[in-house]
Amino acid sequence: MKKICTLLFVVLMMFPASNVMASQTIIDEVEISGYTFTISQSDEENSFIWNISYQDQSFILSENASNQSLLTGYRDALYDTKTSLITSIIAGCFIIIALTFSFIFFKRNKEERSSPLLLIIGVMVGIAVYTLTSNLSEYLIALKNAEYFFKSLATKS
């Protein structure tokens, strides 16, 4: 009897949860630098619902022909922001690792300071510095684009 009651309780508890879960499907979700968006699809209406936000401002928009290009631009700007930030972090870590390695190596081997290894490390660090600066500028541009698209969508809603 106790097993039947437990089984009945579990089945009854899962039934409402499955209905709630099936009513809306989250397709994509991104959060970067205070900007967020969540794309979900409603099963009843078969349309895309966008929840966009920045800090304390939040808007829920239904995708239609008039705002589709702005929503796509906002999404692409956040993807570009995320990609350039990750690439900048990787380049910065590479610079730190290369400089630490070269400092340790050349401190131990003082007579090796005129070796071609110094040139190779210098070129690699130079490429990493270039990658870091170019991706930081791309990050700032993408952040400005995200701000533009968010403000445009905020005025349309």
Protein backbone atom coordinates (compact mmCIF):
# COMPACT_ATOMS: atom_id res chain seq x y z
CA MET A 1 0.00 0.00 0.00
CA LYS A 2 2.85 2.35 0.84
CA LYS A 3 4.50 1.68 -2.53
CA ILE A 4 1.29 2.43 -4.40
CA CYS A 5 0.83 5.72 -2.54
CA THR A 6 4.43 6.71 -3.24
CA LEU A 7 4.09 5.84 -6.93
CA LEU A 8 0.80 7.74 -7.18
CA PHE A 9 2.38 10.77 -5.47
CA VAL A 10 5.35 10.78 -7.86
CA VAL A 11 3.13 10.46 -10.94
CA LEU A 12 0.82 13.25 -9.78
CA MET A 13 3.77 15.54 -9.01
CA MET A 14 5.36 14.99 -12.44
CA PHE A 15 2.17 15.58 -14.43
CA PRO A 16 1.86 19.37 -13.81
CA ALA A 17 5.62 19.85 -14.26
CA SER A 18 5.58 18.17 -17.66
CA ASN A 19 2.77 20.46 -18.85
CA VAL A 20 4.64 23.56 -17.72
CA MET A 21 7.88 22.41 -19.32
CA ALA A 22 6.25 21.58 -22.63
CA SER A 23 4.53 24.95 -23.03
CA GLN A 24 7.69 26.91 -23.89
CA THR A 25 11.00 25.78 -25.38
CA ILE A 26 14.16 27.85 -24.88
CA ILE A 27 16.11 27.94 -28.13
CA ASP A 28 19.05 30.18 -27.28
CA GLU A 29 20.33 32.18 -24.33
CA VAL A 30 23.35 34.52 -24.11
CA GLU A 31 24.60 36.82 -21.35
CA ILE A 32 27.64 39.07 -21.84
CA SER A 33 28.66 42.44 -20.35
CA GLY A 34 25.26 43.06 -18.80
CA TYR A 35 23.35 42.41 -22.04
CA THR A 36 21.21 39.28 -22.25
CA PHE A 37 18.73 37.68 -24.57
CA THR A 38 16.65 34.55 -24.41
CA ILE A 39 14.85 33.17 -27.44
CA SER A 40 11.98 30.83 -26.70
CA GLN A 41 9.32 29.27 -28.84
CA SER A 42 5.76 28.97 -27.67
CA ASP A 43 4.09 25.69 -28.55
CA GLU A 44 0.62 27.19 -28.76
CA GLU A 45 1.41 30.13 -31.06
CA ASN A 46 4.43 28.66 -32.88
CA SER A 47 6.19 32.04 -32.70
CA PHE A 48 9.49 33.24 -31.25
CA ILE A 49 9.48 35.22 -28.01
CA TRP A 50 12.58 37.31 -27.22
CA ASN A 51 13.42 38.40 -23.70
CA ILE A 52 16.11 41.08 -24.00
CA SER A 53 17.63 42.95 -21.08
CA TYR A 54 20.41 45.25 -20.02
CA GLN A 55 21.09 45.74 -16.30
CA ASP A 56 17.64 46.53 -14.84
CA GLN A 57 15.77 47.12 -18.11
CA SER A 58 13.98 44.11 -19.55
CA PHE A 59 11.65 43.74 -22.53
CA ILE A 60 9.68 40.80 -23.86
CA LEU A 61 9.17 41.00 -27.62
CA SER A 62 7.41 38.77 -30.09
CA GLU A 63 9.38 38.42 -33.31
CA ASN A 64 7.63 39.81 -36.37
CA ALA A 65 8.61 41.29 -39.73
CA SER A 66 9.07 44.83 -38.36
CA ASN A 67 11.57 43.94 -35.63
CA GLN A 68 13.24 40.84 -37.06
CA SER A 69 16.30 42.66 -38.41
CA LEU A 70 16.83 44.53 -35.13
CA LEU A 71 16.54 41.33 -33.09
CA THR A 72 18.96 39.53 -35.40
CA GLY A 73 21.39 42.45 -35.19
CA TYR A 74 21.18 42.42 -31.38
CA ARG A 75 21.83 38.68 -31.30
CA ASP A 76 24.79 38.96 -33.70
CA ALA A 77 26.26 41.86 -31.71
CA LEU A 78 26.16 39.79 -28.52
CA TYR A 79 27.76 36.82 -30.28
CA ASP A 80 30.51 39.09 -31.65
CA THR A 81 31.04 40.58 -28.19
CA LYS A 82 31.38 37.15 -26.63
CA THR A 83 33.74 35.84 -29.34
CA SER A 84 36.06 38.84 -29.26
CA LEU A 85 36.17 38.85 -25.44
CA ILE A 86 37.13 35.16 -25.31
CA THR A 87 39.81 35.66 -27.98
CA SER A 88 41.19 38.65 -26.07
CA ILE A 89 41.38 36.65 -22.86
CA ILE A 90 43.21 33.82 -24.62
CA ALA A 91 45.68 36.24 -26.22
CA GLY A 92 46.29 37.94 -22.87
CA CYS A 93 46.95 34.60 -21.18
CA PHE A 94 49.35 33.65 -23.98
CA ILE A 95 51.27 36.90 -23.49
CA ILE A 96 51.58 36.30 -19.76
CA ILE A 97 52.69 32.68 -20.24
CA ALA A 98 55.23 33.57 -22.95
CA LEU A 99 56.73 36.42 -20.93
CA THR A 100 56.92 34.29 -17.79
CA PHE A 101 58.56 31.44 -19.69
CA SER A 102 61.09 33.72 -21.35
CA PHE A 103 61.89 35.47 -18.07
CA ILE A 104 62.55 32.15 -16.30
CA PHE A 105 64.54 30.73 -19.22
CA PHE A 106 66.75 33.77 -19.72
CA LYS A 107 67.30 34.27 -16.00
CA ARG A 108 68.73 30.75 -15.73
CA ASN A 109 70.74 30.94 -18.96
CA LYS A 110 72.37 34.35 -18.98
CA GLU A 111 74.73 33.49 -21.82
CA GLU A 112 71.80 32.56 -24.11
CA ARG A 113 70.43 36.11 -24.38
CA SER A 114 71.52 36.47 -28.00
CA SER A 115 69.91 33.19 -29.09
CA PRO A 116 67.33 32.98 -31.90
CA LEU A 117 64.82 31.83 -29.28
CA LEU A 118 64.54 35.43 -28.12
CA LEU A 119 63.53 36.49 -31.64
CA ILE A 120 60.96 33.70 -31.91
CA ILE A 121 59.42 34.55 -28.53
CA GLY A 122 59.42 38.25 -29.44
CA VAL A 123 57.56 37.58 -32.70
CA MET A 124 55.03 35.34 -30.95
CA VAL A 125 54.41 37.93 -28.23
CA GLY A 126 54.11 40.63 -30.90
CA ILE A 127 51.46 38.61 -32.74
CA ALA A 128 49.62 38.01 -29.46
CA VAL A 129 49.71 41.73 -28.62
CA TYR A 130 48.32 42.54 -32.09
CA THR A 131 45.58 39.92 -31.64
CA LEU A 132 44.77 41.29 -28.20
CA THR A 133 44.47 44.91 -29.34
CA SER A 134 42.48 44.11 -32.47
CA ASN A 135 40.04 41.90 -30.55
CA LEU A 136 39.64 44.49 -27.81
CA SER A 137 38.69 47.06 -30.44
CA GLU A 138 36.26 44.55 -32.00
CA TYR A 139 34.83 43.95 -28.52
CA LEU A 140 34.21 47.67 -28.01
CA ILE A 141 32.61 48.00 -31.45
CA ALA A 142 30.36 44.99 -30.83
CA LEU A 143 29.40 46.42 -27.44
CA LYS A 144 28.41 49.71 -29.08
CA ASN A 145 26.38 47.76 -31.66
CA ALA A 146 24.61 45.85 -28.88
CA GLU A 147 23.82 49.15 -27.16
CA TYR A 148 22.44 50.60 -30.41
CA PHE A 149 20.23 47.59 -31.15
CA PHE A 150 19.00 47.41 -27.54
CA LYS A 151 18.02 51.09 -27.55
CA SER A 152 16.33 50.68 -30.93
CA LEU A 153 14.34 47.70 -29.69
CA ALA A 154 13.49 49.50 -26.44
CA THR A 155 11.97 52.42 -28.33
CA LYS A 156 9.97 50.07 -30.59
CA SER A 157 8.42 48.11 -27.73
